[in-house]
C-alpha atoms as a PDB file:
ATOM      1  CA  MET A   1    -136.160 -96.715 -21.369  1.00  0.00           C
ATOM      2  CA  ARG A   2    -139.160 -96.065 -24.031  1.00  0.00           C
ATOM      3  CA  ILE A   3    -140.309 -98.974 -25.022  1.00  0.00           C
ATOM      4  CA  VAL A   4    -142.786 -98.897 -29.352  1.00  0.00           C
ATOM      5  CA  GLN A   5    -144.367-102.218 -29.419  1.00  0.00           C
ATOM      6  CA  VAL A   6    -145.670-102.049 -33.497  1.00  0.00           C
ATOM      7  CA  VAL A   7    -148.573-104.910 -33.555  1.00  0.00           C
ATOM      8  CA  PRO A   8    -151.477-105.359 -35.720  1.00  0.00           C
ATOM      9  CA  HIS A   9    -153.832-106.256 -33.661  1.00  0.00           C
ATOM     10  CA  PHE A  10    -153.890-105.623 -29.874  1.00  0.00           C
ATOM     11  CA  TYR A  11    -156.105-105.398 -26.588  1.00  0.00           C
ATOM     12  CA  PRO A  12    -158.579-107.078 -26.533  1.00  0.00           C
ATOM     13  CA  ALA A  13    -158.874-108.833 -29.911  1.00  0.00           C
ATOM     14  CA  TRP A  14    -157.725-111.620 -28.796  1.00  0.00           C
ATOM     15  CA  SER A  15    -159.782-113.539 -31.715  1.00  0.00           C
ATOM     16  CA  PHE A  16    -156.771-112.533 -33.934  1.00  0.00           C
ATOM     17  CA  GLY A  17    -154.122-114.877 -31.883  1.00  0.00           C
ATOM     18  CA  GLY A  18    -152.017-115.382 -29.891  1.00  0.00           C
ATOM     19  CA  ILE A  19    -149.821-112.101 -31.153  1.00  0.00           C
ATOM     20  CA  ALA A  20    -152.141-109.921 -29.210  1.00  0.00           C
ATOM     21  CA  ARG A  21    -151.701-111.604 -25.982  1.00  0.00           C
ATOM     22  CA  VAL A  22    -147.922-111.625 -26.217  1.00  0.00           C
ATOM     23  CA  VAL A  23    -147.518-108.126 -26.915  1.00  0.00           C
ATOM     24  CA  TYR A  24    -150.159-107.353 -24.460  1.00  0.00           C
ATOM     25  CA  GLU A  25    -148.560-109.744 -21.538  1.00  0.00           C
ATOM     26  CA  ILE A  26    -144.921-108.022 -22.755  1.00  0.00           C
ATOM     27  CA  SER A  27    -145.856-104.434 -22.217  1.00  0.00           C
ATOM     28  CA  ARG A  28    -148.080-104.707 -19.045  1.00  0.00           C
ATOM     29  CA  GLU A  29    -144.412-106.440 -17.347  1.00  0.00           C
ATOM     30  CA  LEU A  30    -142.130-103.807 -19.027  1.00  0.00           C
ATOM     31  CA  VAL A  31    -144.286-100.898 -17.051  1.00  0.00           C
ATOM     32  CA  ARG A  32    -144.208-102.965 -14.370  1.00  0.00           C
ATOM     33  CA  ARG A  33    -140.435-102.751 -14.186  1.00  0.00           C
ATOM     34  CA  GLY A  34    -141.000 -99.014 -14.883  1.00  0.00           C
ATOM     35  CA  HIS A  35    -140.125 -98.810 -18.895  1.00  0.00           C
ATOM     36  CA  GLU A  36    -142.326 -96.680 -20.887  1.00  0.00           C
ATOM     37  CA  VAL A  37    -144.434 -98.607 -23.433  1.00  0.00           C
ATOM     38  CA  VAL A  38    -145.840 -96.960 -26.309  1.00  0.00           C
ATOM     39  CA  VAL A  39    -148.273 -99.867 -28.563  1.00  0.00           C
ATOM     40  CA  TYR A  40    -149.281 -99.269 -32.525  1.00  0.00           C
ATOM     41  CA  THR A  41    -151.528-100.428 -33.143  1.00  0.00           C
ATOM     42  CA  THR A  42    -154.640-100.868 -36.110  1.00  0.00           C
ATOM     43  CA  ASN A  43    -158.134-100.599 -35.014  1.00  0.00           C
ATOM     44  CA  ALA A  44    -159.285-104.090 -36.032  1.00  0.00           C
ATOM     45  CA  LEU A  45    -161.309-106.061 -33.015  1.00  0.00           C
ATOM     46  CA  ASP A  46    -162.979-109.190 -31.666  1.00  0.00           C
ATOM     47  CA  PRO A  47    -165.849-108.741 -32.716  1.00  0.00           C
ATOM     48  CA  ARG A  48    -167.191-110.152 -30.177  1.00  0.00           C
ATOM     49  CA  THR A  49    -166.216-107.295 -27.635  1.00  0.00           C
ATOM     50  CA  ASP A  50    -167.801-104.780 -26.493  1.00  0.00           C
ATOM     51  CA  PHE A  51    -164.677-101.919 -26.798  1.00  0.00           C
ATOM     52  CA  LYS A  52    -165.216 -99.627 -29.544  1.00  0.00           C
ATOM     53  CA  VAL A  53    -162.180 -97.503 -30.452  1.00  0.00           C
ATOM     54  CA  SER A  54    -164.147 -93.948 -30.435  1.00  0.00           C
ATOM     55  CA  LYS A  55    -160.610 -92.412 -29.501  1.00  0.00           C
ATOM     56  CA  SER A  56    -157.510 -92.847 -30.727  1.00  0.00           C
ATOM     57  CA  GLU A  57    -155.196 -93.351 -27.747  1.00  0.00           C
ATOM     58  CA  TYR A  58    -156.000 -94.988 -24.891  1.00  0.00           C
ATOM     59  CA  ASP A  59    -154.401 -96.207 -21.665  1.00  0.00           C
ATOM     60  CA  VAL A  60    -154.343 -99.581 -21.729  1.00  0.00           C
ATOM     61  CA  GLU A  61    -152.868-100.812 -17.142  1.00  0.00           C
ATOM     62  CA  GLY A  62    -149.668 -98.488 -17.894  1.00  0.00           C
ATOM     63  CA  MET A  63    -149.660 -98.583 -21.365  1.00  0.00           C
ATOM     64  CA  ARG A  64    -150.482 -95.584 -24.237  1.00  0.00           C
ATOM     65  CA  VAL A  65    -151.657 -97.695 -26.636  1.00  0.00           C
ATOM     66  CA  ARG A  66    -153.021 -95.858 -29.953  1.00  0.00           C
ATOM     67  CA  TYR A  67    -155.280 -96.905 -32.382  1.00  0.00           C
ATOM     68  CA  TYR A  68    -154.398 -96.237 -36.122  1.00  0.00           C
ATOM     69  CA  GLY A  69    -157.873 -97.170 -39.025  1.00  0.00           C
ATOM     70  CA  ASN A  70    -157.528-100.149 -41.577  1.00  0.00           C
ATOM     71  CA  ILE A  71    -157.587 -99.019 -44.713  1.00  0.00           C
ATOM     72  CA  ALA A  72    -157.198-102.610 -45.873  1.00  0.00           C
ATOM     73  CA  ARG A  73    -157.587-105.606 -44.770  1.00  0.00           C
ATOM     74  CA  PHE A  74    -155.750-108.698 -47.026  1.00  0.00           C
ATOM     75  CA  GLY A  75    -154.670-112.208 -45.376  1.00  0.00           C
ATOM     76  CA  GLY A  76    -155.075-111.565 -41.797  1.00  0.00           C
ATOM     77  CA  LEU A  77    -152.963-108.606 -41.989  1.00  0.00           C
ATOM     78  CA  ASN A  78    -154.416-105.231 -41.402  1.00  0.00           C
ATOM     79  CA  PHE A  79    -152.809-101.671 -42.838  1.00  0.00           C
ATOM     80  CA  SER A  80    -153.104 -98.465 -41.473  1.00  0.00           C
ATOM     81  CA  SER A  81    -153.459 -94.877 -42.993  1.00  0.00           C
ATOM     82  CA  ASP A  82    -150.614 -92.894 -43.788  1.00  0.00           C
ATOM     83  CA  ILE A  83    -151.328 -90.626 -40.472  1.00  0.00           C
ATOM     84  CA  PHE A  84    -149.203 -93.645 -39.030  1.00  0.00           C
ATOM     85  CA  ALA A  85    -146.835 -93.035 -41.217  1.00  0.00           C
ATOM     86  CA  HIS A  86    -147.105 -89.034 -39.708  1.00  0.00           C
ATOM     87  CA  SER A  87    -147.564 -89.488 -35.948  1.00  0.00           C
ATOM     88  CA  SER A  88    -145.596 -91.923 -35.480  1.00  0.00           C
ATOM     89  CA  ARG A  89    -142.088 -90.955 -36.433  1.00  0.00           C
ATOM     90  CA  ARG A  90    -141.139 -88.268 -33.962  1.00  0.00           C
ATOM     91  CA  GLU A  91    -141.966 -91.380 -31.480  1.00  0.00           C
ATOM     92  CA  ILE A  92    -140.016 -93.956 -33.217  1.00  0.00           C
ATOM     93  CA  LEU A  93    -136.937 -92.213 -33.256  1.00  0.00           C
ATOM     94  CA  ASN A  94    -136.793 -90.935 -29.797  1.00  0.00           C
ATOM     95  CA  SER A  95    -137.414 -93.711 -28.636  1.00  0.00           C
ATOM     96  CA  ASP A  96    -134.278 -96.237 -26.769  1.00  0.00           C
ATOM     97  CA  ILE A  97    -135.743 -99.861 -28.608  1.00  0.00           C
ATOM     98  CA  VAL A  98    -138.669-100.820 -31.491  1.00  0.00           C
ATOM     99  CA  HIS A  99    -140.306-104.078 -30.837  1.00  0.00           C
ATOM    100  CA  LEU A 100    -141.890-104.909 -34.506  1.00  0.00           C
ATOM    101  CA  HIS A 101    -144.297-108.127 -34.363  1.00  0.00           C
ATOM    102  CA  ALA A 102    -145.438-109.553 -37.499  1.00  0.00           C
ATOM    103  CA  PHE A 103    -144.756-109.912 -40.522  1.00  0.00           C
ATOM    104  CA  ARG A 104    -144.959-107.719 -43.871  1.00  0.00           C
ATOM    105  CA  THR A 105    -147.382-105.176 -42.246  1.00  0.00           C
ATOM    106  CA  PHE A 106    -147.626-101.255 -43.545  1.00  0.00           C
ATOM    107  CA  GLN A 107    -146.655-100.444 -39.879  1.00  0.00           C
ATOM    108  CA  ASN A 108    -143.370-102.453 -39.935  1.00  0.00           C
ATOM    109  CA  VAL A 109    -141.493-100.842 -43.464  1.00  0.00           C
ATOM    110  CA  VAL A 110    -142.833 -97.093 -41.800  1.00  0.00           C
ATOM    111  CA  ALA A 111    -140.794 -98.067 -38.517  1.00  0.00           C
ATOM    112  CA  HIS A 112    -138.465 -99.326 -39.300  1.00  0.00           C
ATOM    113  CA  TYR A 113    -137.596 -96.930 -41.705  1.00  0.00           C
ATOM    114  CA  TYR A 114    -137.281 -94.892 -39.036  1.00  0.00           C
ATOM    115  CA  SER A 115    -136.209 -97.125 -36.477  1.00  0.00           C
ATOM    116  CA  GLU A 116    -133.248 -97.422 -38.678  1.00  0.00           C
ATOM    117  CA  ARG A 117    -132.504 -93.532 -38.134  1.00  0.00           C
END
């Protein structure tokens, strides 16, 4: 099964709270069970980590993770650029499940729109 996870923060952004950790653990288990997992997130990272986003896509324990640049940060939420809207379309349209995490983010609006199709 092809599963897309949409989350504002992800590995290794543990300082942003539990959502990053929960999505990481769920995704890791899904990969272990044989599913194909793609995670869409922003490049907001924990300032205490040595991890730097130098490219847009990484393999993290079998998950394909796409980090999109932030264009704004408001109230603890990160909003990715319009590049997300264009580059995620095909993947979302061809997935079996789209799991949206968090609330009121640009990424979720775009992913929901494509998922409805």
